[in-house]
């Protein structure tokens, strides 16, 4: 499952009436650094700072529905420089199968 982190954070900012530039200043980084973070492979500490300053759970940054406090599963797997994000069990299993296939591991 591919999640557009940048679009989700922009939507969350828009809902709160702030800009990405405002968010960058709140978390203490340059706006350009925030842009690179949202469009690249972000560090967990930066994601936690973004979520905290937006007043949402870390998992909400990867939600495809922007529903907070839902009962669905949220997972982030970082393996060999690749990030796999899942918001339900089927996507998590697919991610694990993909990793296993790449590593030649049979389930």
PDB file of N, CA and C in Angstrom:
ATOM      1  N   UNK A   1       0.837  -1.166   0.000  1.00  0.00           N
ATOM      2  CA  UNK A   1       0.000   0.000   0.000  1.00  0.00           C
ATOM      3  C   UNK A   1       0.888   1.237   0.000  1.00  0.00           C
ATOM      4  N   UNK A   2       0.649   2.119  -0.893  1.00  0.00           N
ATOM      5  CA  UNK A   2       1.413   3.354  -1.010  1.00  0.00           C
ATOM      6  C   UNK A   2       0.628   4.480  -0.343  1.00  0.00           C
ATOM      7  N   UNK A   3       1.249   5.174   0.583  1.00  0.00           N
ATOM      8  CA  UNK A   3       0.615   6.282   1.277  1.00  0.00           C
ATOM      9  C   UNK A   3       1.348   7.564   0.902  1.00  0.00           C
ATOM     10  N   UNK A   4       0.607   8.617   0.595  1.00  0.00           N
ATOM     11  CA  UNK A   4       1.207   9.902   0.265  1.00  0.00           C
ATOM     12  C   UNK A   4       1.273  10.731   1.548  1.00  0.00           C
ATOM     13  N   UNK A   5       2.393  10.586   2.262  1.00  0.00           N
ATOM     14  CA  UNK A   5       2.570  11.272   3.539  1.00  0.00           C
ATOM     15  C   UNK A   5       2.434  12.772   3.382  1.00  0.00           C
ATOM     16  N   UNK A   6       2.994  13.318   2.332  1.00  0.00           N
ATOM     17  CA  UNK A   6       2.942  14.753   2.096  1.00  0.00           C
ATOM     18  C   UNK A   6       1.497  15.240   1.997  1.00  0.00           C
ATOM     19  N   UNK A   7       0.680  14.548   1.237  1.00  0.00           N
ATOM     20  CA  UNK A   7      -0.720  14.947   1.066  1.00  0.00           C
ATOM     21  C   UNK A   7      -1.489  14.858   2.383  1.00  0.00           C
ATOM     22  N   UNK A   8      -1.215  13.822   3.163  1.00  0.00           N
ATOM     23  CA  UNK A   8      -1.916  13.657   4.436  1.00  0.00           C
ATOM     24  C   UNK A   8      -1.544  14.777   5.393  1.00  0.00           C
ATOM     25  N   UNK A   9      -0.245  15.097   5.484  1.00  0.00           N
ATOM     26  CA  UNK A   9       0.181  16.166   6.388  1.00  0.00           C
ATOM     27  C   UNK A   9      -0.373  17.515   5.919  1.00  0.00           C
ATOM     28  N   UNK A  10      -0.378  17.741   4.605  1.00  0.00           N
ATOM     29  CA  UNK A  10      -0.961  18.992   4.085  1.00  0.00           C
ATOM     30  C   UNK A  10      -2.432  19.092   4.455  1.00  0.00           C
ATOM     31  N   UNK A  11      -3.170  17.986   4.324  1.00  0.00           N
ATOM     32  CA  UNK A  11      -4.592  17.978   4.687  1.00  0.00           C
ATOM     33  C   UNK A  11      -4.785  18.253   6.177  1.00  0.00           C
ATOM     34  N   UNK A  12      -3.963  17.618   7.010  1.00  0.00           N
ATOM     35  CA  UNK A  12      -4.067  17.833   8.453  1.00  0.00           C
ATOM     36  C   UNK A  12      -3.754  19.286   8.810  1.00  0.00           C
ATOM     37  N   UNK A  13      -2.741  19.858   8.146  1.00  0.00           N
ATOM     38  CA  UNK A  13      -2.415  21.278   8.374  1.00  0.00           C
ATOM     39  C   UNK A  13      -3.582  22.167   7.945  1.00  0.00           C
ATOM     40  N   UNK A  14      -4.121  21.876   6.773  1.00  0.00           N
ATOM     41  CA  UNK A  14      -5.235  22.677   6.259  1.00  0.00           C
ATOM     42  C   UNK A  14      -6.419  22.618   7.224  1.00  0.00           C
ATOM     43  N   UNK A  15      -6.706  21.438   7.763  1.00  0.00           N
ATOM     44  CA  UNK A  15      -7.823  21.297   8.706  1.00  0.00           C
ATOM     45  C   UNK A  15      -7.589  22.102   9.978  1.00  0.00           C
ATOM     46  N   UNK A  16      -6.316  22.338  10.317  1.00  0.00           N
ATOM     47  CA  UNK A  16      -5.991  23.082  11.531  1.00  0.00           C
ATOM     48  C   UNK A  16      -5.681  24.550  11.255  1.00  0.00           C
ATOM     49  N   UNK A  17      -5.736  24.923   9.979  1.00  0.00           N
ATOM     50  CA  UNK A  17      -5.521  26.319   9.624  1.00  0.00           C
ATOM     51  C   UNK A  17      -4.080  26.785   9.711  1.00  0.00           C
ATOM     52  N   UNK A  18      -3.143  25.850   9.514  1.00  0.00           N
ATOM     53  CA  UNK A  18      -1.731  26.230   9.506  1.00  0.00           C
ATOM     54  C   UNK A  18      -1.097  25.801   8.188  1.00  0.00           C
ATOM     55  N   UNK A  19       0.033  26.384   7.879  1.00  0.00           N
ATOM     56  CA  UNK A  19       0.763  26.024   6.664  1.00  0.00           C
ATOM     57  C   UNK A  19       1.878  25.041   7.009  1.00  0.00           C
ATOM     58  N   UNK A  20       2.441  24.434   5.981  1.00  0.00           N
ATOM     59  CA  UNK A  20       3.591  23.557   6.205  1.00  0.00           C
ATOM     60  C   UNK A  20       4.759  24.350   6.780  1.00  0.00           C
ATOM     61  N   UNK A  21       4.882  25.596   6.363  1.00  0.00           N
ATOM     62  CA  UNK A  21       5.939  26.458   6.896  1.00  0.00           C
ATOM     63  C   UNK A  21       5.739  26.676   8.399  1.00  0.00           C
ATOM     64  N   UNK A  22       4.495  26.902   8.809  1.00  0.00           N
ATOM     65  CA  UNK A  22       4.184  27.041  10.241  1.00  0.00           C
ATOM     66  C   UNK A  22       4.561  25.768  10.993  1.00  0.00           C
ATOM     67  N   UNK A  23       4.201  24.628  10.427  1.00  0.00           N
ATOM     68  CA  UNK A  23       4.503  23.341  11.058  1.00  0.00           C
ATOM     69  C   UNK A  23       6.009  23.154  11.196  1.00  0.00           C
ATOM     70  N   UNK A  24       6.748  23.469  10.142  1.00  0.00           N
ATOM     71  CA  UNK A  24       8.211  23.331  10.188  1.00  0.00           C
ATOM     72  C   UNK A  24       8.796  24.154  11.329  1.00  0.00           C
ATOM     73  N   UNK A  25       8.325  25.386  11.472  1.00  0.00           N
ATOM     74  CA  UNK A  25       8.822  26.242  12.549  1.00  0.00           C
ATOM     75  C   UNK A  25       8.444  25.690  13.921  1.00  0.00           C
ATOM     76  N   UNK A  26       7.246  25.112  14.032  1.00  0.00           N
ATOM     77  CA  UNK A  26       6.812  24.530  15.308  1.00  0.00           C
ATOM     78  C   UNK A  26       7.715  23.373  15.729  1.00  0.00           C
ATOM     79  N   UNK A  27       8.159  22.570  14.757  1.00  0.00           N
ATOM     80  CA  UNK A  27       8.991  21.415  15.118  1.00  0.00           C
ATOM     81  C   UNK A  27      10.481  21.742  15.064  1.00  0.00           C
ATOM     82  N   UNK A  28      10.794  22.978  14.699  1.00  0.00           N
ATOM     83  CA  UNK A  28      12.176  23.427  14.767  1.00  0.00           C
ATOM     84  C   UNK A  28      13.070  23.020  13.612  1.00  0.00           C
ATOM     85  N   UNK A  29      12.469  22.865  12.416  1.00  0.00           N
ATOM     86  CA  UNK A  29      13.278  22.555  11.243  1.00  0.00           C
ATOM     87  C   UNK A  29      12.930  23.534  10.122  1.00  0.00           C
ATOM     88  N   UNK A  30      13.812  23.614   9.147  1.00  0.00           N
ATOM     89  CA  UNK A  30      13.576  24.493   7.999  1.00  0.00           C
ATOM     90  C   UNK A  30      12.443  23.921   7.145  1.00  0.00           C
ATOM     91  N   UNK A  31      11.643  24.777   6.525  1.00  0.00           N
ATOM     92  CA  UNK A  31      10.577  24.292   5.644  1.00  0.00           C
ATOM     93  C   UNK A  31      11.085  23.336   4.558  1.00  0.00           C
ATOM     94  N   UNK A  32      12.288  23.582   4.054  1.00  0.00           N
ATOM     95  CA  UNK A  32      12.863  22.705   3.027  1.00  0.00           C
ATOM     96  C   UNK A  32      13.125  21.306   3.593  1.00  0.00           C
ATOM     97  N   UNK A  33      13.547  21.251   4.858  1.00  0.00           N
ATOM     98  CA  UNK A  33      13.785  19.963   5.508  1.00  0.00           C
ATOM     99  C   UNK A  33      12.479  19.206   5.697  1.00  0.00           C
ATOM    100  N   UNK A  34      11.420  19.930   6.051  1.00  0.00           N
ATOM    101  CA  UNK A  34      10.116  19.290   6.198  1.00  0.00           C
ATOM    102  C   UNK A  34       9.652  18.724   4.865  1.00  0.00           C
ATOM    103  N   UNK A  35       9.845  19.482   3.802  1.00  0.00           N
ATOM    104  CA  UNK A  35       9.465  19.015   2.467  1.00  0.00           C
ATOM    105  C   UNK A  35      10.218  17.745   2.100  1.00  0.00           C
ATOM    106  N   UNK A  36      11.519  17.726   2.352  1.00  0.00           N
ATOM    107  CA  UNK A  36      12.321  16.525   2.056  1.00  0.00           C
ATOM    108  C   UNK A  36      11.851  15.347   2.895  1.00  0.00           C
ATOM    109  N   UNK A  37      11.505  15.622   4.154  1.00  0.00           N
ATOM    110  CA  UNK A  37      11.017  14.568   5.040  1.00  0.00           C
ATOM    111  C   UNK A  37       9.721  13.964   4.517  1.00  0.00           C
ATOM    112  N   UNK A  38       8.794  14.812   4.101  1.00  0.00           N
ATOM    113  CA  UNK A  38       7.482  14.336   3.659  1.00  0.00           C
ATOM    114  C   UNK A  38       7.543  13.610   2.324  1.00  0.00           C
ATOM    115  N   UNK A  39       8.552  13.901   1.532  1.00  0.00           N
ATOM    116  CA  UNK A  39       8.651  13.295   0.205  1.00  0.00           C
ATOM    117  C   UNK A  39       9.738  12.236   0.104  1.00  0.00           C
ATOM    118  N   UNK A  40      10.402  11.953   1.220  1.00  0.00           N
ATOM    119  CA  UNK A  40      11.489  10.976   1.205  1.00  0.00           C
ATOM    120  C   UNK A  40      11.235   9.842   2.173  1.00  0.00           C
ATOM    121  N   UNK A  41      12.297   9.448   2.867  1.00  0.00           N
ATOM    122  CA  UNK A  41      12.225   8.359   3.830  1.00  0.00           C
ATOM    123  C   UNK A  41      12.470   8.956   5.218  1.00  0.00           C
ATOM    124  N   UNK A  42      11.417   9.436   5.887  1.00  0.00           N
ATOM    125  CA  UNK A  42      11.567  10.202   7.121  1.00  0.00           C
ATOM    126  C   UNK A  42      12.051   9.373   8.304  1.00  0.00           C
ATOM    127  N   UNK A  43      12.697  10.072   9.233  1.00  0.00           N
ATOM    128  CA  UNK A  43      13.101   9.443  10.484  1.00  0.00           C
ATOM    129  C   UNK A  43      11.903   9.387  11.422  1.00  0.00           C
ATOM    130  N   UNK A  44      11.868   8.354  12.237  1.00  0.00           N
ATOM    131  CA  UNK A  44      10.756   8.181  13.166  1.00  0.00           C
ATOM    132  C   UNK A  44      10.624   9.378  14.104  1.00  0.00           C
ATOM    133  N   UNK A  45      11.743   9.923  14.570  1.00  0.00           N
ATOM    134  CA  UNK A  45      11.688  11.067  15.493  1.00  0.00           C
ATOM    135  C   UNK A  45      11.026  12.279  14.835  1.00  0.00           C
ATOM    136  N   UNK A  46      11.271  12.477  13.537  1.00  0.00           N
ATOM    137  CA  UNK A  46      10.644  13.596  12.827  1.00  0.00           C
ATOM    138  C   UNK A  46       9.151  13.348  12.667  1.00  0.00           C
ATOM    139  N   UNK A  47       8.787  12.112  12.344  1.00  0.00           N
ATOM    140  CA  UNK A  47       7.363  11.775  12.232  1.00  0.00           C
ATOM    141  C   UNK A  47       6.648  11.985  13.563  1.00  0.00           C
ATOM    142  N   UNK A  48       7.302  11.600  14.651  1.00  0.00           N
ATOM    143  CA  UNK A  48       6.704  11.787  15.977  1.00  0.00           C
ATOM    144  C   UNK A  48       6.515  13.270  16.272  1.00  0.00           C
ATOM    145  N   UNK A  49       7.495  14.098  15.893  1.00  0.00           N
ATOM    146  CA  UNK A  49       7.384  15.548  16.118  1.00  0.00           C
ATOM    147  C   UNK A  49       6.253  16.140  15.285  1.00  0.00           C
ATOM    148  N   UNK A  50       6.114  15.693  14.049  1.00  0.00           N
ATOM    149  CA  UNK A  50       5.027  16.167  13.182  1.00  0.00           C
ATOM    150  C   UNK A  50       3.677  15.816  13.801  1.00  0.00           C
ATOM    151  N   UNK A  51       3.519  14.548  14.179  1.00  0.00           N
ATOM    152  CA  UNK A  51       2.257  14.097  14.766  1.00  0.00           C
ATOM    153  C   UNK A  51       1.950  14.861  16.052  1.00  0.00           C
ATOM    154  N   UNK A  52       2.940  15.007  16.901  1.00  0.00           N
ATOM    155  CA  UNK A  52       2.752  15.706  18.173  1.00  0.00           C
ATOM    156  C   UNK A  52       2.305  17.143  17.955  1.00  0.00           C
ATOM    157  N   UNK A  53       2.948  17.837  17.023  1.00  0.00           N
ATOM    158  CA  UNK A  53       2.612  19.235  16.777  1.00  0.00           C
ATOM    159  C   UNK A  53       1.291  19.415  16.044  1.00  0.00           C
ATOM    160  N   UNK A  54       0.826  18.361  15.389  1.00  0.00           N
ATOM    161  CA  UNK A  54      -0.485  18.413  14.751  1.00  0.00           C
ATOM    162  C   UNK A  54      -1.577  17.879  15.688  1.00  0.00           C
ATOM    163  N   UNK A  55      -1.158  17.357  16.839  1.00  0.00           N
ATOM    164  CA  UNK A  55      -2.121  16.850  17.815  1.00  0.00           C
ATOM    165  C   UNK A  55      -2.814  15.575  17.372  1.00  0.00           C
ATOM    166  N   UNK A  56      -2.084  14.738  16.618  1.00  0.00           N
ATOM    167  CA  UNK A  56      -2.651  13.471  16.150  1.00  0.00           C
ATOM    168  C   UNK A  56      -1.719  12.333  16.556  1.00  0.00           C
ATOM    169  N   UNK A  57      -2.210  11.123  16.462  1.00  0.00           N
ATOM    170  CA  UNK A  57      -1.387   9.943  16.697  1.00  0.00           C
ATOM    171  C   UNK A  57      -0.466   9.741  15.500  1.00  0.00           C
ATOM    172  N   UNK A  58       0.670   9.131  15.737  1.00  0.00           N
ATOM    173  CA  UNK A  58       1.614   8.838  14.660  1.00  0.00           C
ATOM    174  C   UNK A  58       0.931   8.049  13.545  1.00  0.00           C
ATOM    175  N   UNK A  59       0.096   7.108  13.903  1.00  0.00           N
ATOM    176  CA  UNK A  59      -0.585   6.286  12.904  1.00  0.00           C
ATOM    177  C   UNK A  59      -1.517   7.099  12.011  1.00  0.00           C
ATOM    178  N   UNK A  60      -2.001   8.235  12.510  1.00  0.00           N
ATOM    179  CA  UNK A  60      -2.885   9.083  11.705  1.00  0.00           C
ATOM    180  C   UNK A  60      -2.172   9.672  10.499  1.00  0.00           C
ATOM    181  N   UNK A  61      -0.838   9.772  10.561  1.00  0.00           N
ATOM    182  CA  UNK A  61      -0.079  10.287   9.418  1.00  0.00           C
ATOM    183  C   UNK A  61      -0.098   9.311   8.243  1.00  0.00           C
ATOM    184  N   UNK A  62      -0.501   8.071   8.520  1.00  0.00           N
ATOM    185  CA  UNK A  62      -0.516   7.044   7.484  1.00  0.00           C
ATOM    186  C   UNK A  62      -1.909   6.509   7.214  1.00  0.00           C
ATOM    187  N   UNK A  63      -2.906   7.175   7.768  1.00  0.00           N
ATOM    188  CA  UNK A  63      -4.289   6.764   7.581  1.00  0.00           C
ATOM    189  C   UNK A  63      -4.786   7.205   6.207  1.00  0.00           C
ATOM    190  N   UNK A  64      -5.460   6.312   5.524  1.00  0.00           N
ATOM    191  CA  UNK A  64      -6.011   6.669   4.217  1.00  0.00           C
ATOM    192  C   UNK A  64      -7.370   7.343   4.339  1.00  0.00           C
ATOM    193  N   UNK A  65      -7.908   7.373   5.550  1.00  0.00           N
ATOM    194  CA  UNK A  65      -9.240   7.953   5.716  1.00  0.00           C
ATOM    195  C   UNK A  65      -9.250   9.187   6.618  1.00  0.00           C
ATOM    196  N   UNK A  66      -8.134   9.512   7.242  1.00  0.00           N
ATOM    197  CA  UNK A  66      -8.032  10.615   8.192  1.00  0.00           C
ATOM    198  C   UNK A  66      -8.955  10.439   9.381  1.00  0.00           C
ATOM    199  N   UNK A  67      -9.407   9.218   9.633  1.00  0.00           N
ATOM    200  CA  UNK A  67     -10.224   8.959  10.806  1.00  0.00           C
ATOM    201  C   UNK A  67      -9.295   8.677  11.967  1.00  0.00           C
ATOM    202  N   UNK A  68      -9.385   9.493  13.011  1.00  0.00           N
ATOM    203  CA  UNK A  68      -8.555   9.263  14.179  1.00  0.00           C
ATOM    204  C   UNK A  68      -9.270   8.338  15.139  1.00  0.00           C
ATOM    205  N   UNK A  69      -8.488   7.705  15.976  1.00  0.00           N
ATOM    206  CA  UNK A  69      -8.988   6.794  17.011  1.00  0.00           C
ATOM    207  C   UNK A  69      -9.822   5.651  16.436  1.00  0.00           C
ATOM    208  N   UNK A  70      -9.531   5.220  15.235  1.00  0.00           N
ATOM    209  CA  UNK A  70     -10.255   4.079  14.681  1.00  0.00           C
ATOM    210  C   UNK A  70      -9.647   2.792  15.213  1.00  0.00           C
ATOM    211  N   UNK A  71     -10.367   1.714  15.088  1.00  0.00           N
ATOM    212  CA  UNK A  71      -9.915   0.440  15.623  1.00  0.00           C
ATOM    213  C   UNK A  71      -9.057  -0.330  14.630  1.00  0.00           C
ATOM    214  N   UNK A  72      -8.726   0.243  13.507  1.00  0.00           N
ATOM    215  CA  UNK A  72      -7.950  -0.480  12.511  1.00  0.00           C
ATOM    216  C   UNK A  72      -6.490  -0.594  12.918  1.00  0.00           C
ATOM    217  N   UNK A  73      -5.815  -1.517  12.291  1.00  0.00           N
ATOM    218  CA  UNK A  73      -4.405  -1.764  12.533  1.00  0.00           C
ATOM    219  C   UNK A  73      -3.564  -0.745  11.772  1.00  0.00           C
ATOM    220  N   UNK A  74      -2.484  -0.272  12.382  1.00  0.00           N
ATOM    221  CA  UNK A  74      -1.545   0.628  11.721  1.00  0.00           C
ATOM    222  C   UNK A  74      -0.153   0.085  11.977  1.00  0.00           C
ATOM    223  N   UNK A  75       0.634  -0.108  10.917  1.00  0.00           N
ATOM    224  CA  UNK A  75       1.991  -0.588  11.111  1.00  0.00           C
ATOM    225  C   UNK A  75       2.942   0.111  10.158  1.00  0.00           C
ATOM    226  N   UNK A  76       4.178   0.255  10.619  1.00  0.00           N
ATOM    227  CA  UNK A  76       5.251   0.808   9.813  1.00  0.00           C
ATOM    228  C   UNK A  76       6.415  -0.165   9.937  1.00  0.00           C
ATOM    229  N   UNK A  77       6.870  -0.679   8.808  1.00  0.00           N
ATOM    230  CA  UNK A  77       8.025  -1.565   8.786  1.00  0.00           C
ATOM    231  C   UNK A  77       9.094  -0.889   7.942  1.00  0.00           C
ATOM    232  N   UNK A  78      10.269  -0.725   8.522  1.00  0.00           N
ATOM    233  CA  UNK A  78      11.396  -0.209   7.758  1.00  0.00           C
ATOM    234  C   UNK A  78      12.388  -1.353   7.649  1.00  0.00           C
ATOM    235  N   UNK A  79      12.628  -1.788   6.412  1.00  0.00           N
ATOM    236  CA  UNK A  79      13.487  -2.949   6.185  1.00  0.00           C
ATOM    237  C   UNK A  79      14.377  -2.679   4.985  1.00  0.00           C
ATOM    238  N   UNK A  80      15.678  -2.763   5.198  1.00  0.00           N
ATOM    239  CA  UNK A  80      16.659  -2.524   4.130  1.00  0.00           C
ATOM    240  C   UNK A  80      16.423  -1.198   3.411  1.00  0.00           C
ATOM    241  N   UNK A  81      16.099  -0.157   4.172  1.00  0.00           N
ATOM    242  CA  UNK A  81      15.921   1.169   3.589  1.00  0.00           C
ATOM    243  C   UNK A  81      14.577   1.417   2.938  1.00  0.00           C
ATOM    244  N   UNK A  82      13.698   0.442   2.951  1.00  0.00           N
ATOM    245  CA  UNK A  82      12.348   0.601   2.390  1.00  0.00           C
ATOM    246  C   UNK A  82      11.339   0.691   3.526  1.00  0.00           C
ATOM    247  N   UNK A  83      10.348   1.550   3.354  1.00  0.00           N
ATOM    248  CA  UNK A  83       9.311   1.719   4.359  1.00  0.00           C
ATOM    249  C   UNK A  83       8.003   1.129   3.844  1.00  0.00           C
ATOM    250  N   UNK A  84       7.422   0.255   4.649  1.00  0.00           N
ATOM    251  CA  UNK A  84       6.144  -0.382   4.326  1.00  0.00           C
ATOM    252  C   UNK A  84       5.133   0.087   5.355  1.00  0.00           C
ATOM    253  N   UNK A  85       4.026   0.650   4.896  1.00  0.00           N
ATOM    254  CA  UNK A  85       2.992   1.166   5.781  1.00  0.00           C
ATOM    255  C   UNK A  85       1.708   0.397   5.513  1.00  0.00           C
ATOM    256  N   UNK A  86       1.067  -0.046   6.586  1.00  0.00           N
ATOM    257  CA  UNK A  86      -0.183  -0.794   6.452  1.00  0.00           C
ATOM    258  C   UNK A  86      -1.218  -0.238   7.417  1.00  0.00           C
ATOM    259  N   UNK A  87      -2.466  -0.201   6.959  1.00  0.00           N
ATOM    260  CA  UNK A  87      -3.526   0.232   7.858  1.00  0.00           C
ATOM    261  C   UNK A  87      -4.588  -0.848   8.053  1.00  0.00           C
ATOM    262  N   UNK A  88      -4.265  -2.058   7.588  1.00  0.00           N
ATOM    263  CA  UNK A  88      -5.143  -3.188   7.863  1.00  0.00           C
ATOM    264  C   UNK A  88      -4.324  -4.473   7.768  1.00  0.00           C
ATOM    265  N   UNK A  89      -4.881  -5.546   8.232  1.00  0.00           N
ATOM    266  CA  UNK A  89      -4.153  -6.813   8.307  1.00  0.00           C
ATOM    267  C   UNK A  89      -3.753  -7.333   6.929  1.00  0.00           C
ATOM    268  N   UNK A  90      -4.615  -7.198   5.943  1.00  0.00           N
ATOM    269  CA  UNK A  90      -4.286  -7.690   4.605  1.00  0.00           C
ATOM    270  C   UNK A  90      -3.081  -6.963   4.021  1.00  0.00           C
ATOM    271  N   UNK A  91      -3.010  -5.653   4.198  1.00  0.00           N
ATOM    272  CA  UNK A  91      -1.861  -4.897   3.696  1.00  0.00           C
ATOM    273  C   UNK A  91      -0.583  -5.265   4.443  1.00  0.00           C
ATOM    274  N   UNK A  92      -0.688  -5.514   5.756  1.00  0.00           N
ATOM    275  CA  UNK A  92       0.468  -5.928   6.537  1.00  0.00           C
ATOM    276  C   UNK A  92       0.996  -7.270   6.038  1.00  0.00           C
ATOM    277  N   UNK A  93       0.092  -8.200   5.809  1.00  0.00           N
ATOM    278  CA  UNK A  93       0.493  -9.519   5.308  1.00  0.00           C
ATOM    279  C   UNK A  93       1.129  -9.392   3.933  1.00  0.00           C
ATOM    280  N   UNK A  94       0.575  -8.548   3.078  1.00  0.00           N
ATOM    281  CA  UNK A  94       1.156  -8.332   1.748  1.00  0.00           C
ATOM    282  C   UNK A  94       2.565  -7.767   1.841  1.00  0.00           C
ATOM    283  N   UNK A  95       2.772  -6.830   2.760  1.00  0.00           N
ATOM    284  CA  UNK A  95       4.101  -6.256   2.952  1.00  0.00           C
ATOM    285  C   UNK A  95       5.095  -7.310   3.416  1.00  0.00           C
ATOM    286  N   UNK A  96       4.667  -8.123   4.359  1.00  0.00           N
ATOM    287  CA  UNK A  96       5.541  -9.185   4.864  1.00  0.00           C
ATOM    288  C   UNK A  96       5.857 -10.190   3.764  1.00  0.00           C
ATOM    289  N   UNK A  97       4.858 -10.559   2.977  1.00  0.00           N
ATOM    290  CA  UNK A  97       5.094 -11.479   1.859  1.00  0.00           C
ATOM    291  C   UNK A  97       6.075 -10.890   0.861  1.00  0.00           C
ATOM    292  N   UNK A  98       5.954  -9.585   0.576  1.00  0.00           N
ATOM    293  CA  UNK A  98       6.863  -8.926  -0.359  1.00  0.00           C
ATOM    294  C   UNK A  98       8.303  -8.966   0.165  1.00  0.00           C
ATOM    295  N   UNK A  99       8.470  -8.690   1.445  1.00  0.00           N
ATOM    296  CA  UNK A  99       9.813  -8.745   2.057  1.00  0.00           C
ATOM    297  C   UNK A  99      10.359 -10.161   1.987  1.00  0.00           C
ATOM    298  N   UNK A 100       9.542 -11.136   2.317  1.00  0.00           N
ATOM    299  CA  UNK A 100       9.980 -12.535   2.285  1.00  0.00           C
ATOM    300  C   UNK A 100      10.375 -12.962   0.884  1.00  0.00           C
ATOM    301  N   UNK A 101       9.589 -12.554  -0.101  1.00  0.00           N
ATOM    302  CA  UNK A 101       9.900 -12.881  -1.491  1.00  0.00           C
ATOM    303  C   UNK A 101      11.252 -12.300  -1.888  1.00  0.00           C
ATOM    304  N   UNK A 102      11.500 -11.046  -1.528  1.00  0.00           N
ATOM    305  CA  UNK A 102      12.778 -10.397  -1.847  1.00  0.00           C
ATOM    306  C   UNK A 102      13.943 -11.115  -1.177  1.00  0.00           C
ATOM    307  N   UNK A 103      13.702 -11.669   0.014  1.00  0.00           N
ATOM    308  CA  UNK A 103      14.750 -12.341   0.763  1.00  0.00           C
ATOM    309  C   UNK A 103      14.821 -13.838   0.504  1.00  0.00           C
ATOM    310  N   UNK A 104      13.922 -14.337  -0.343  1.00  0.00           N
ATOM    311  CA  UNK A 104      13.933 -15.772  -0.657  1.00  0.00           C
ATOM    312  C   UNK A 104      13.452 -16.641   0.484  1.00  0.00           C
ATOM    313  N   UNK A 105      12.583 -16.077   1.311  1.00  0.00           N
ATOM    314  CA  UNK A 105      12.031 -16.809   2.449  1.00  0.00           C
ATOM    315  C   UNK A 105      10.625 -17.260   2.089  1.00  0.00           C
ATOM    316  N   UNK A 106      10.364 -18.544   2.304  1.00  0.00           N
ATOM    317  CA  UNK A 106       9.026 -19.076   1.997  1.00  0.00           C
ATOM    318  C   UNK A 106       8.186 -19.084   3.259  1.00  0.00           C
ATOM    319  N   UNK A 107       6.972 -18.610   3.130  1.00  0.00           N
ATOM    320  CA  UNK A 107       6.046 -18.599   4.280  1.00  0.00           C
ATOM    321  C   UNK A 107       5.250 -19.877   4.326  1.00  0.00           C
TER     322      UNK A 107
END
